[in-house]
Protein backbone atom coordinates (compact mmCIF):
# COMPACT_ATOMS: atom_id res chain seq x y z
CA TYR A 1 349.63 83.20 68.07
CA SER A 2 351.23 86.21 66.24
CA GLY A 3 348.74 86.68 63.50
CA GLU A 4 350.85 85.89 60.76
CA GLN A 5 348.28 83.03 59.36
CA ASP A 6 345.48 85.78 58.98
CA ALA A 7 348.01 87.67 57.42
CA LEU A 8 349.36 85.07 55.13
CA THR A 9 345.92 84.29 54.11
CA LYS A 10 345.02 87.72 53.19
CA VAL A 11 348.41 88.03 50.76
CA GLU A 12 347.53 84.77 49.27
CA LYS A 13 343.83 85.84 48.33
CA PHE A 14 345.13 88.90 47.05
CA PHE A 15 347.55 87.13 44.59
CA THR A 16 344.48 84.61 43.91
CA LYS A 17 342.32 87.47 42.67
CA ILE A 18 345.13 88.73 40.77
CA ARG A 19 345.71 85.45 38.73
CA GLU A 20 341.82 85.32 38.12
CA VAL A 21 341.67 89.12 36.54
CA HIS A 22 342.52 89.80 33.02
CA VAL A 23 346.10 89.06 31.82
CA LEU A 24 346.54 92.97 30.45
CA THR A 25 345.32 93.88 34.15
CA LYS A 26 347.30 91.17 35.53
CA TYR A 27 350.63 92.16 33.86
CA SER A 28 349.81 95.99 34.44
CA LEU A 29 350.03 95.15 38.16
CA TYR A 30 353.24 93.08 37.95
CA VAL A 31 354.98 95.70 35.88
CA ILE A 32 353.89 99.28 36.96
CA PRO A 33 354.75 99.11 40.80
CA VAL A 34 358.31 97.89 40.11
CA ALA A 35 358.65 100.27 36.72
CA ALA A 36 357.44 103.27 39.16
CA LEU A 37 360.36 102.14 41.55
CA LEU A 38 363.00 102.16 38.84
CA ALA A 39 361.65 105.48 37.79
CA ILE A 40 363.11 107.12 40.96
CA PRO A 41 367.03 106.50 39.95
CA LEU A 42 365.98 107.23 36.66
CA ILE A 43 364.74 110.76 37.45
CA LEU A 44 367.38 111.56 40.07
CA THR A 45 370.52 110.57 37.81
CA ASP A 46 368.69 112.66 35.04
CA THR A 47 368.40 115.81 37.29
CA ILE A 48 370.31 115.78 40.69
CA TYR A 49 372.87 113.10 39.83
CA ALA A 50 373.15 113.85 36.14
CA ASP A 51 377.04 113.76 36.20
CA ALA A 52 376.93 110.27 38.22
CA ARG A 53 379.22 108.16 35.96
CA ALA A 54 379.95 104.13 35.86
CA GLY A 55 383.46 103.53 33.67
CA GLY A 56 382.66 106.69 32.10
CA ILE A 57 378.82 106.07 31.16
CA ARG A 58 376.16 108.01 32.58
CA LEU A 59 374.14 106.24 35.01
CA LEU A 60 370.91 107.70 33.42
CA GLY A 61 371.58 105.31 30.55
CA ILE A 62 372.06 102.34 32.53
CA PHE A 63 368.69 102.90 34.23
CA ILE A 64 366.79 103.85 30.98
CA TRP A 65 368.24 100.11 29.87
CA ILE A 66 367.11 98.25 33.06
CA GLU A 67 363.76 99.99 32.62
CA VAL A 68 363.43 98.81 29.12
CA ILE A 69 364.62 95.37 29.89
CA TRP A 70 362.06 95.34 33.05
CA VAL A 71 359.05 96.31 30.51
CA ALA A 72 360.60 93.92 27.92
CA LEU A 73 360.21 90.81 30.17
CA TRP A 74 356.76 91.08 30.63
CA LEU A 75 356.20 91.96 26.92
CA CYS A 76 358.01 88.76 25.89
CA LYS A 77 355.93 86.94 28.50
CA LEU A 78 352.83 88.12 26.98
CA ILE A 79 353.87 87.31 23.54
CA ALA A 80 354.73 83.84 24.37
CA SER A 81 351.34 83.42 25.91
CA ILE A 82 349.54 84.68 23.04
CA VAL A 83 351.63 82.49 20.86
CA PRO A 84 349.54 79.27 21.25
CA TYR A 85 346.44 80.95 20.60
CA VAL A 86 347.73 82.32 17.20
CA PHE A 87 349.49 78.80 16.43
CA GLN A 88 345.91 77.28 17.02
CA SER A 89 343.99 79.61 14.85
CA THR A 90 346.48 79.43 12.02
CA ALA A 91 347.47 75.77 12.10
CA GLY A 92 344.25 75.02 10.82
CA LEU A 93 345.09 76.39 7.28
CA ILE A 94 347.97 74.08 7.26
CA SER A 95 346.92 70.81 8.60
CA ALA A 96 344.66 70.22 11.67
CA GLY A 97 346.70 67.47 12.69
CA ILE A 98 348.99 69.72 14.19
CA ARG A 99 346.81 71.85 16.48
CA LYS A 100 347.82 69.24 19.23
CA TYR A 101 350.94 70.91 19.66
CA THR A 102 349.33 73.84 21.20
CA THR A 103 349.63 72.44 24.39
CA VAL A 104 353.39 71.97 24.03
CA LEU A 105 353.60 76.16 23.34
CA GLU A 106 351.54 76.54 26.50
CA ALA A 107 353.63 74.46 28.45
CA LEU A 108 356.55 76.11 26.94
CA GLU A 109 355.41 79.78 27.94
CA ILE A 110 358.34 80.67 30.39
CA PRO A 111 361.15 79.09 27.96
CA ILE A 112 359.96 80.85 25.04
CA SER A 113 359.84 84.24 26.94
CA LEU A 114 363.20 83.88 28.42
CA PHE A 115 364.66 83.13 24.94
CA LEU A 116 362.94 86.24 23.39
CA TRP A 117 364.23 88.32 26.21
CA SER A 118 367.61 87.45 26.19
CA ILE A 119 367.13 88.43 22.24
CA VAL A 120 365.63 92.12 23.41
CA SER A 121 368.18 92.62 26.46
CA PHE A 122 370.95 91.96 23.96
CA ALA A 123 369.67 94.14 21.07
CA THR A 124 369.02 97.13 23.73
CA ILE A 125 372.34 97.39 25.48
CA PRO A 126 373.20 100.21 23.13
CA ILE A 127 371.08 102.38 24.88
CA ILE A 128 373.29 102.65 27.92
CA CYS A 129 376.05 104.49 26.02
CA VAL A 130 373.16 106.35 23.93
CA LEU A 131 374.17 109.57 25.95
CA ASP A 132 377.96 108.74 25.68
CA GLN A 133 378.52 107.36 21.81
CA ASP A 134 382.30 107.75 22.52
CA ARG A 135 382.43 105.71 25.53
CA CYS A 136 380.67 102.24 23.96
CA ASN A 137 383.71 100.48 23.91
CA ALA A 138 383.95 100.73 28.04
CA SER A 139 385.36 97.35 29.27
CA TRP A 140 382.22 96.41 31.25
CA LEU A 141 380.00 97.10 28.89
CA THR A 142 381.95 94.89 26.55
CA THR A 143 381.52 92.16 28.98
CA LEU A 144 377.75 93.03 29.58
CA THR A 145 377.28 92.33 26.07
CA THR A 146 379.57 88.83 26.08
CA VAL A 147 377.18 87.98 28.90
CA PHE A 148 374.01 88.56 26.69
CA LYS A 149 375.42 87.09 23.74
CA ALA A 150 376.34 83.78 25.69
CA LEU A 151 372.56 83.95 27.43
CA ILE A 152 370.96 84.05 24.29
CA ILE A 153 372.66 80.66 23.27
CA VAL A 154 371.79 79.40 26.91
CA ALA A 155 368.17 80.16 26.63
CA ALA A 156 368.03 78.62 23.23
CA ILE A 157 369.62 75.24 24.60
CA PHE A 158 366.86 75.69 27.56
CA LEU A 159 364.15 76.12 24.96
CA ALA A 160 365.31 73.20 22.84
CA GLU A 161 365.42 70.83 26.39
CA LYS A 162 362.10 71.70 27.36
CA THR A 163 360.63 71.48 23.93
CA LEU A 164 362.02 67.98 23.64
CA VAL A 165 360.52 66.91 27.23
CA GLN A 166 357.03 68.62 25.97
CA LEU A 167 356.80 66.30 22.76
CA VAL A 168 358.07 63.58 24.56
CA ALA A 169 355.22 63.86 26.83
CA ILE A 170 352.31 65.04 24.62
CA ASN A 171 353.04 62.41 21.84
CA TYR A 172 353.18 59.70 24.62
CA HIS A 173 350.18 60.60 26.18
CA ARG A 174 348.38 61.06 23.12
CA LYS A 175 349.51 57.62 21.77
CA GLN A 176 348.90 55.77 25.08
CA TYR A 177 346.23 57.47 26.82
CA SER A 178 344.07 59.63 24.37
CA THR A 179 342.02 56.76 22.87
CA LYS A 180 341.41 54.80 26.03
CA ILE A 181 340.18 58.09 27.87
CA GLN A 182 337.99 58.97 25.24
CA GLU A 183 336.62 55.35 25.34
CA SER A 184 336.30 55.78 29.05
CA LYS A 185 334.27 58.89 29.20
CA LYS A 186 331.95 57.79 26.51
CA LEU A 187 331.17 54.77 28.51
CA ILE A 188 330.61 56.88 31.91
CA ARG A 189 328.54 59.08 29.69
CA LEU A 190 325.94 56.13 29.14
CA PHE A 191 326.05 55.00 32.46
CA ASP A 192 324.92 58.63 33.46
CA LEU A 193 322.22 58.57 31.07
CA LEU A 194 321.00 54.98 32.46
CA TYR A 195 321.46 55.90 36.11
CA ASP A 196 319.17 58.99 35.26
CA ALA A 197 316.66 56.78 33.55
CA SER A 198 316.61 54.08 36.72
CA ARG A 199 316.15 57.20 39.01
CA ALA A 200 313.00 58.10 37.17
CA LEU A 201 311.62 55.02 37.16
CA PHE A 202 312.96 53.84 40.66
CA PRO A 203 313.76 56.66 43.15
CA GLU A 204 316.76 56.59 45.34
CA TYR A 205 316.65 54.42 48.28
CA CYS A 206 313.16 52.97 46.98
CA LYS A 207 312.36 49.26 48.41
CA GLU A 208 313.55 47.79 45.18
CA PHE A 209 317.10 49.37 45.48
CA ALA A 210 317.50 50.48 48.80
CA GLU A 211 320.48 48.38 49.66
CA GLU A 212 321.86 48.82 46.34
CA ASP A 213 321.87 52.83 46.84
CA ALA A 214 323.06 52.46 50.44
CA GLU A 215 326.46 50.73 48.84
CA MET A 216 326.61 52.86 45.96
CA GLN A 217 326.26 56.21 48.01
CA GLY A 218 327.34 55.15 51.51
CA ASN A 219 330.81 53.58 51.16
CA THR A 220 332.38 54.50 53.92
CA LEU A 221 329.79 53.07 56.31
CA ALA A 222 329.20 49.75 54.35
CA ASP A 223 331.46 47.47 56.29
CA VAL A 224 329.73 48.96 59.49
CA ARG A 225 326.26 48.61 58.18
CA ASP A 226 327.39 44.74 57.10
CA THR A 227 328.65 43.88 60.48
CA LEU A 228 325.81 45.05 62.55
CA ALA A 229 323.37 43.24 59.89
CA HIS A 230 324.74 40.03 60.48
CA ALA A 231 324.51 40.23 64.15
CA GLY A 232 320.80 40.99 63.79
CA ILE A 233 320.58 44.77 64.22
CA GLN A 234 318.67 47.38 61.83
CA THR A 235 321.01 49.48 59.77
CA ARG A 236 318.51 51.80 58.06
CA VAL A 237 320.29 54.54 59.93
CA PHE A 238 323.12 54.36 58.15
CA ASN A 239 321.52 54.64 54.98
CA ASP A 240 319.59 57.65 56.38
CA MET A 241 323.01 59.19 57.02
CA GLY A 242 324.17 59.14 53.72
CA ARG A 243 321.19 60.43 52.32
CA VAL A 244 321.46 63.59 54.70
CA ARG A 245 325.52 63.64 53.82
CA ASP A 246 324.31 64.15 50.09
CA LYS A 247 321.41 66.29 50.95
CA VAL A 248 323.40 68.85 52.71
CA THR A 249 326.28 68.72 50.30
CA ALA A 250 323.41 69.31 47.35
CA ALA A 251 322.29 72.27 49.59
CA PHE A 252 325.64 73.61 49.66
CA GLY A 253 326.18 72.86 45.91
CA ALA A 254 323.36 74.64 45.03
CA MET A 255 324.06 77.85 46.81
CA ALA A 256 327.54 77.76 45.31
CA SER A 257 326.28 77.26 42.08
CA ASP A 258 324.07 80.30 42.37
CA ILE A 259 327.00 82.24 43.03
CA THR A 260 329.65 81.18 40.80
CA GLY A 261 327.44 80.22 38.00
CA LYS A 262 329.28 76.81 37.97
CA GLN A 263 328.02 73.34 39.21
CA VAL A 264 330.17 72.52 42.26
CA PHE A 265 329.33 70.07 45.24
CA SER A 266 327.16 68.23 42.97
CA ALA A 267 327.04 65.01 45.05
CA THR A 268 323.57 63.90 43.75
CA SER A 269 323.98 64.29 40.19
CA ALA A 270 324.21 61.01 38.25
CA HIS A 271 328.21 61.76 37.33
CA SER A 272 329.14 62.24 40.47
CA ILE A 273 327.37 58.89 41.83
CA VAL A 274 328.57 56.79 38.79
CA LEU A 275 331.86 57.87 39.51
CA GLU A 276 331.63 57.14 43.09
CA ALA A 277 330.48 53.72 42.61
CA LEU A 278 333.44 53.05 40.29
CA GLU A 279 335.98 53.74 43.16
CA THR A 280 335.03 50.34 44.79
CA GLU A 281 334.25 46.63 43.66
CA ARG A 282 331.60 46.44 46.11
CA ALA A 283 329.78 49.87 44.96
CA SER A 284 330.40 49.08 41.38
CA LYS A 285 328.47 45.67 41.54
CA ALA A 286 325.93 47.51 43.16
CA LEU A 287 325.65 49.98 40.44
CA ALA A 288 325.63 47.37 37.93
CA ARG A 289 322.77 45.37 39.53
CA ARG A 290 320.68 48.55 39.71
CA LEU A 291 321.12 49.58 35.95
CA TRP A 292 320.39 45.88 34.61
CA LEU A 293 317.66 45.32 37.37
CA SER A 294 315.86 48.93 36.11
CA PHE A 295 315.81 47.98 32.21
CA ALA A 296 315.56 44.17 31.81
CA GLY A 297 312.08 42.72 31.35
CA GLU A 298 310.55 41.17 34.72
CA GLY A 299 311.34 37.41 34.90
CA LYS A 300 313.96 37.86 32.23
CA ASP A 301 317.27 36.55 32.45
CA VAL A 302 318.86 39.29 29.53
CA LEU A 303 318.60 42.66 28.78
CA LEU A 304 317.54 43.26 25.11
CA LYS A 305 317.69 46.17 22.55
CA HIS A 306 313.94 46.76 22.90
CA ASP A 307 314.17 46.94 26.93
CA LEU A 308 316.11 50.05 26.61
CA ILE A 309 314.01 51.47 23.88
CA GLU A 310 310.89 50.87 26.02
CA VAL A 311 312.14 52.83 28.88
CA LEU A 312 314.19 55.50 27.25
CA GLY A 313 311.37 55.97 24.67
CA VAL A 314 311.29 55.86 20.84
CA ASN A 315 312.33 59.30 20.51
CA ARG A 316 315.84 58.20 22.11
CA SER A 317 316.02 55.02 19.96
CA GLU A 318 319.56 56.27 18.93
CA GLU A 319 321.06 56.95 22.33
CA ALA A 320 319.28 53.32 23.12
CA GLU A 321 321.31 51.64 20.65
CA GLU A 322 324.25 53.32 21.21
CA ILE A 323 324.32 52.31 24.94
CA PHE A 324 323.44 48.56 24.12
CA HIS A 325 326.18 48.48 21.65
CA ALA A 326 328.48 49.64 24.37
CA LEU A 327 327.18 46.88 26.72
CA ASP A 328 327.12 44.18 24.50
CA ARG A 329 330.50 43.51 24.25
CA ASP A 330 330.37 40.01 23.05
CA GLY A 331 327.82 40.81 20.40
CA ASN A 332 325.32 38.31 21.02
CA GLY A 333 322.37 40.34 21.21
CA ASP A 334 321.89 40.26 24.74
CA VAL A 335 323.26 41.38 27.97
CA SER A 336 323.25 39.47 31.08
CA LEU A 337 323.62 40.70 34.55
CA ALA A 338 326.92 38.95 35.17
CA GLU A 339 328.13 40.61 31.67
CA MET A 340 327.06 43.95 32.87
CA THR A 341 328.99 43.51 36.05
CA LEU A 342 331.75 42.48 34.58
CA LEU A 343 332.05 45.52 32.19
CA VAL A 344 331.39 48.05 35.14
CA LEU A 345 334.10 46.35 37.13
CA SER A 346 336.52 46.54 34.31
CA ILE A 347 335.82 50.04 33.99
CA GLY A 348 336.61 51.27 37.44
CA GLN A 349 339.77 48.93 37.48
CA GLU A 350 340.90 50.68 34.28
CA ARG A 351 340.45 53.96 35.67
CA LYS A 352 342.75 53.17 38.84
CA ASP A 353 345.32 51.32 36.40
CA ARG A 354 345.06 54.53 34.17
CA ALA A 355 345.69 56.93 36.75
CA ALA A 356 348.46 54.95 38.10
CA SER A 357 350.33 54.32 35.11
CA MET A 358 349.92 58.24 34.26
CA GLN A 359 351.45 58.97 37.53
CA ASP A 360 354.56 56.81 37.09
CA ILE A 361 354.90 57.91 33.35
CA SER A 362 354.77 61.72 34.70
CA GLN A 363 357.19 60.45 37.20
CA ALA A 364 359.44 59.11 34.94
CA ILE A 365 359.29 62.05 32.55
CA ALA A 366 360.20 64.07 35.22
CA VAL A 367 363.08 62.25 36.02
CA LEU A 368 364.02 62.74 32.17
CA ASP A 369 363.58 65.93 32.45
CA ARG A 370 366.07 66.43 35.44
CA LEU A 371 368.69 64.37 33.69
CA LEU A 372 368.50 66.53 30.64
CA SER A 373 368.35 69.86 32.64
CA LEU A 374 371.88 68.47 34.16
CA ILE A 375 373.19 68.19 30.42
CA VAL A 376 371.94 71.73 30.01
CA VAL A 377 373.73 73.11 33.23
CA ALA A 378 376.70 71.46 31.95
CA SER A 379 376.48 73.25 28.81
CA VAL A 380 375.96 76.41 30.13
CA ALA A 381 379.28 76.26 32.10
CA PHE A 382 380.99 75.28 28.68
CA ILE A 383 379.36 77.97 26.82
CA TYR A 384 380.27 80.77 29.48
CA ALA A 385 383.86 79.30 29.93
CA THR A 386 384.10 79.67 26.55
CA PHE A 387 383.14 83.22 25.91
CA PHE A 388 384.97 84.48 28.78
CA SER A 389 387.93 82.26 29.03
CA LYS A 390 390.77 82.75 26.10
CA THR A 391 392.86 79.86 27.66
CA PHE A 392 389.55 77.65 27.86
CA SER A 393 388.72 78.62 24.21
CA ALA A 394 392.18 77.77 22.82
CA LYS A 395 392.39 74.23 24.22
CA THR A 396 389.09 73.31 22.90
CA ALA A 397 390.65 70.73 20.90
CA GLN A 398 392.05 68.93 23.75
CA LEU A 399 388.98 69.12 25.91
CA TRP A 400 387.03 67.90 23.00
CA THR A 401 389.46 64.78 23.00
CA THR A 402 388.81 64.78 26.97
CA PHE A 403 385.30 64.44 26.41
CA THR A 404 385.45 61.74 23.84
CA GLY A 405 387.87 59.71 25.95
CA LEU A 406 385.05 60.13 29.13
CA ALA A 407 382.29 59.23 26.21
CA PHE A 408 383.91 55.92 25.96
CA ALA A 409 384.19 55.39 29.53
CA ILE A 410 380.61 56.18 30.32
CA GLY A 411 379.53 54.65 26.82
CA GLY A 412 377.67 51.63 28.50
CA THR A 413 375.67 53.70 30.92
CA VAL A 414 374.85 56.17 28.24
CA THR A 415 373.78 53.41 25.81
CA GLU A 416 371.48 51.90 28.72
CA PHE A 417 370.09 55.41 29.30
CA LEU A 418 368.75 55.73 25.94
CA ALA A 419 367.61 52.24 25.44
CA CYS A 420 365.23 52.84 28.41
CA VAL A 421 364.11 55.92 27.16
CA ILE A 422 363.19 54.44 23.44
CA PHE A 423 361.85 51.43 25.37
CA LEU A 424 359.75 53.50 27.50
CA PHE A 425 358.53 56.50 25.36
CA VAL A 426 358.67 55.09 22.15
CA LYS A 427 358.03 51.11 22.35
CA HIS A 428 356.02 51.15 25.60
CA PRO A 429 354.64 47.55 25.24
CA TYR A 430 352.95 47.82 28.46
CA ASP A 431 351.02 49.99 31.18
CA VAL A 432 350.41 49.69 34.87
CA GLY A 433 347.90 47.16 35.32
CA ASP A 434 348.43 45.28 32.14
CA ARG A 435 348.83 41.18 32.13
CA VAL A 436 351.84 40.45 29.93
CA ASP A 437 353.84 37.51 28.98
CA ILE A 438 357.49 37.94 28.93
CA SER A 439 359.62 35.02 27.84
CA ASP A 440 357.03 32.51 28.63
CA VAL A 441 356.51 34.00 32.57
CA GLU A 442 353.08 35.24 33.30
CA LEU A 443 353.19 38.74 34.90
CA VAL A 444 350.93 41.69 35.84
CA VAL A 445 352.55 45.26 35.63
CA GLN A 446 352.67 47.08 39.17
CA HIS A 447 355.05 50.03 38.86
CA ILE A 448 356.68 51.86 35.70
CA SER A 449 360.12 53.93 36.50
CA LEU A 450 362.38 55.24 33.77
CA MET A 451 364.92 52.77 34.24
CA TYR A 452 362.88 49.42 35.25
CA SER A 453 359.59 47.99 35.84
CA VAL A 454 358.21 46.12 38.35
CA PHE A 455 356.10 43.02 37.96
CA ARG A 456 353.99 40.53 40.21
CA ARG A 457 354.21 36.81 38.95
CA VAL A 458 350.62 35.28 38.51
CA ASP A 459 351.75 31.80 39.22
CA SER A 460 353.24 32.80 42.74
CA ASP A 461 352.79 36.55 43.58
CA LYS A 462 356.14 37.13 43.58
CA VAL A 463 358.02 40.66 42.72
CA VAL A 464 359.81 41.00 39.67
CA GLN A 465 361.92 43.72 38.57
CA ILE A 466 363.13 44.08 35.05
CA PRO A 467 365.60 47.05 33.91
CA HIS A 468 364.37 48.26 30.37
CA ASN A 469 367.33 47.73 28.61
CA VAL A 470 366.94 44.06 29.56
CA ALA A 471 363.49 43.88 28.60
CA ASN A 472 364.12 45.92 25.32
CA SER A 473 365.43 42.47 24.14
CA LEU A 474 362.78 40.47 25.62
CA TRP A 475 359.93 38.69 23.62
CA ILE A 476 356.80 40.59 25.38
CA GLU A 477 353.19 39.54 24.65
CA ASN A 478 350.69 42.11 26.00
CA ILE A 479 347.26 40.04 26.92
CA SER A 480 345.07 43.08 28.47
CA ARG A 481 345.68 44.99 24.91
CA SER A 482 344.94 41.83 22.51
CA LYS A 483 341.45 41.56 21.29
CA GLN A 484 339.67 37.91 21.75
CA MET A 485 342.08 35.39 21.87
CA LYS A 486 342.13 31.71 20.97
CA GLU A 487 343.32 28.88 22.83
CA ARG A 488 344.66 25.49 21.71
CA VAL A 489 344.65 21.93 23.57
CA SER A 490 346.40 19.15 22.81
CA ILE A 491 345.13 15.50 23.41
CA CYS A 492 346.63 12.27 22.57
CA VAL A 493 344.26 9.43 21.44
CA SER A 494 344.41 5.76 20.36
CA PRO A 495 345.68 5.12 16.73
CA ALA A 496 342.50 3.09 16.34
CA THR A 497 340.37 6.31 16.25
CA THR A 498 338.81 7.00 12.88
CA ILE A 499 338.16 10.09 10.67
CA GLU A 500 334.64 9.88 11.81
CA ASP A 501 335.43 9.72 15.55
CA VAL A 502 337.40 13.02 15.06
CA LEU A 503 334.34 14.46 13.06
CA ALA A 504 331.75 13.44 15.75
CA LEU A 505 334.17 14.88 18.34
CA LYS A 506 334.02 18.35 16.39
CA HIS A 507 330.45 18.13 16.24
CA GLU A 508 329.91 17.54 20.05
CA LEU A 509 332.56 20.47 20.81
CA HIS A 510 330.79 22.80 18.51
CA LYS A 511 327.44 22.10 19.69
CA PHE A 512 328.70 22.80 23.01
CA VAL A 513 330.25 26.48 22.39
CA SER A 514 327.05 27.15 20.47
CA ALA A 515 324.78 26.07 23.07
CA GLU A 516 322.64 28.95 24.89
CA GLU A 517 324.51 28.85 28.12
CA ASN A 518 328.37 29.06 26.36
CA ARG A 519 327.60 31.56 23.51
CA ARG A 520 328.79 34.36 26.04
CA ASP A 521 332.04 32.37 26.67
CA PHE A 522 333.23 31.31 23.22
CA ARG A 523 332.58 31.87 19.53
CA PRO A 524 331.12 29.09 17.23
CA GLU A 525 334.54 29.02 15.01
CA MET A 526 336.60 26.06 16.18
CA ASP A 527 338.71 23.18 14.78
CA ILE A 528 340.24 19.83 15.17
CA GLU A 529 343.87 19.26 13.42
CA LEU A 530 345.61 16.00 13.56
CA ARG A 531 349.01 16.99 14.46
CA ASN A 532 351.50 14.20 14.65
CA LEU A 533 351.32 10.12 14.34
CA ASN A 534 353.93 9.63 16.83
CA ASP A 535 355.45 6.16 15.20
CA LEU A 536 351.93 5.11 14.79
CA THR A 537 351.57 4.23 18.66
CA LYS A 538 349.12 7.38 19.13
CA LEU A 539 347.63 10.14 17.26
CA GLU A 540 347.82 14.10 18.44
CA LEU A 541 344.94 16.06 17.99
CA ARG A 542 344.94 19.89 18.56
CA VAL A 543 341.58 21.28 19.52
CA GLU A 544 341.55 25.04 18.85
CA ILE A 545 338.92 27.13 20.41
CA GLN A 546 338.02 31.05 20.28
CA HIS A 547 337.41 32.95 23.61
CA LYS A 548 335.05 35.89 23.29
CA SER A 549 337.53 37.91 25.50
CA ASN A 550 341.22 37.74 26.18
CA PHE A 551 342.86 36.32 29.24
CA ALA A 552 343.80 39.19 31.11
CA ASN A 553 341.05 38.06 33.66
CA ASP A 554 342.64 34.94 35.01
CA HIS A 555 339.56 33.96 36.88
CA LEU A 556 337.16 34.11 34.02
CA ARG A 557 339.69 32.43 31.74
CA ASN A 558 340.17 29.42 34.27
CA ALA A 559 336.42 29.22 34.81
CA ARG A 560 335.89 28.96 30.87
CA ARG A 561 338.83 26.87 30.27
CA ASN A 562 337.51 24.32 33.13
CA LYS A 563 334.09 24.14 31.65
CA PHE A 564 335.43 23.34 28.33
CA MET A 565 338.07 20.76 29.42
CA VAL A 566 335.40 18.89 31.24
CA GLU A 567 332.98 18.72 28.20
CA LEU A 568 336.12 17.81 26.04
CA LEU A 569 336.50 14.69 28.53
CA ALA A 570 332.79 14.03 28.42
CA ALA A 571 332.83 14.12 24.67
CA CYS A 572 335.65 11.47 24.38
CA ARG A 573 333.76 9.08 26.57
CA ARG A 574 330.40 9.48 24.46
CA ILE A 575 331.92 8.81 20.99
CA PRO A 576 333.69 6.95 22.23
CA ILE A 577 337.48 7.95 21.77
CA ASP A 578 340.20 5.56 23.44
CA PRO A 579 343.41 7.05 25.02
CA PRO A 580 346.60 5.60 23.65
CA GLY A 581 347.03 1.75 24.24
CA GLY A 582 343.18 1.55 24.29
CA SER A 583 340.91 1.41 26.92
CA ALA A 584 340.53 -2.46 27.93
CA PRO A 585 337.15 -3.20 30.29
CA VAL A 586 337.50 -2.87 33.87
CA MET A 587 339.35 -5.70 35.53
CA GLY A 588 336.17 -7.89 36.91
CA ASP A 589 334.02 -7.13 33.93
CA LEU A 590 331.88 -9.84 32.22
CA THR A 591 334.28 -9.25 29.26
CA ASN A 592 337.10 -9.03 31.15
CA PRO A 593 337.25 -11.58 33.78
CA HIS A 594 339.12 -11.92 37.03
CA TYR A 595 339.78 -15.18 39.11
CA SER A 596 342.00 -16.82 41.68
CA VAL A 597 343.94 -19.75 43.02
CA THR A 598 343.92 -20.67 46.67
CA ILE A 599 347.18 -22.84 48.02
CA SER A 600 348.60 -23.76 51.54
CA GLU A 601 350.69 -22.01 53.66
CA GLN A 602 353.38 -24.66 53.31
CA GLU A 603 353.25 -24.42 49.45
CA ALA A 604 353.44 -20.72 49.76
CA HIS A 605 356.38 -20.50 51.77
CA ALA A 606 358.31 -23.02 49.35
CA ALA A 607 357.62 -20.89 46.54
CA LYS A 608 358.93 -17.60 48.17
CA ALA A 609 362.20 -19.64 49.45
CA LYS A 610 362.82 -20.83 45.94
CA ARG A 611 362.27 -17.68 44.35
CA ALA A 612 364.61 -15.96 46.80
CA GLU A 613 367.39 -19.18 46.03
CA ASP A 614 366.59 -18.52 42.33
CA ALA A 615 367.66 -14.99 42.53
CA LEU A 616 370.61 -15.39 44.26
CA ALA A 617 371.84 -17.90 42.09
CA ALA A 618 371.56 -15.31 39.03
CA ARG A 619 373.76 -12.64 40.67
CA LEU A 620 377.60 -12.40 39.36
């Protein structure tokens, strides 16, 4: 052990404290020490080495210029850090909608400061020869001027590239995630209110919700607890361990809050518990049960608006209405336990999918940034070669001809790259976790990269990779982004079916979708259309029903569809509606009798032999 770890920790703590102080104090701590060191050669070249020169120019002018550009670097950085606040305060005078670009300016602090610094450095070069006005045409000074002249162009290109990347990032995130994040935060806030009210009625780990609280706040011990419970071993100790853990964390959090003035380590707050519960399916179901059972009337199967108002109080009726409107997604006026559970599970899954999607897109933006940075590096080399090589400048036309030929050679790659960028950042037809249909194939998005996306087939769980330039020309249907969807089922019936039979079928199906047990799954609007006569041999009917959700959840969709298909068959039999060709009575029924004739064994063998001879004689 050499003690380096402690030394490194002390240095890190020192710089951490510097970053936390006021910006002027922080920049002063950066500028003054180096400026003081630069002042040493400045003083020496002004006194002891006053005659020291470089190419005929006094070194004093050079060190004055170095001192100036060092201070100018941090002044430019300070100006660049102030620009977002100035823009935000003045943008409202023009349009409140452009304030969102403040985050772009914040991310461009370093490129803006470098661009401003390159201009200031170029403009202050004459300071070098201020003491030797007749020597300003020195060759090395001309070279230095050319370097900073090219640096201005390079810094401008660098700033333009970073601006483009930031605009792509902010416009993409604002367009794709802003609304979803706000909606998710709103629902979680409402769950926080419900959980606080639930805890006020039923304290944590009370006998009514001991199991739910244990699953919500002790996820790490849930599997062990269940295994021991199935073996007949009492598991209350695991619940107590979870409670002790939370109380210890809360105690440290209270101490930290008193010191810092901020809320930290708040493991027992409603928000922390809700977020923790949304991490796993098991805890999400426990949260849904606790919230629903806390507010639903005793012996009732549904949660009504007046139940929330009764618990929260009349003075919080507006909050109760907002909460109930958020919970009642299908708009039928009540919320069942299954509906509540599905909502909580969907919120947790959406949070996970959105986090994965944002991570994938951030990686794609980083790849785009690196590719554009390569172009910037090539541009830098080209610019400096143009400024410093007369031969290179003279052959610019020839080089452009070469670049044109190269562009034709890599034109396909460039086109593919541009198509992928436009597809991902402009069109962006899906996110991670979305259920999509691409060319009539049912898929689930698993990963998004800059040039391709990875999907999982719903029918076989196979992994499929599709390049974005290929997907750009395909028909993509996003099921997850769709609202309530409709479904059409075609059936063929006997041509003897009358219009009264069709209307009776419609009435039976309408009664089914409007029933109390089915109104959460289907909308009451439904229709039947006569599609085709099929050469008068059969009638093709198309039944149209409307679900109260989209088809992103395949298990839910299949359960609803199976229930409807069974009812459709039962309704056709009740009316009755016959299949094509009619429905003759079962053989052996009184209306369709069946009989047999008994013959001897000799007659049977003779008939069989005759049949074989007739078949042989009929052959060519």
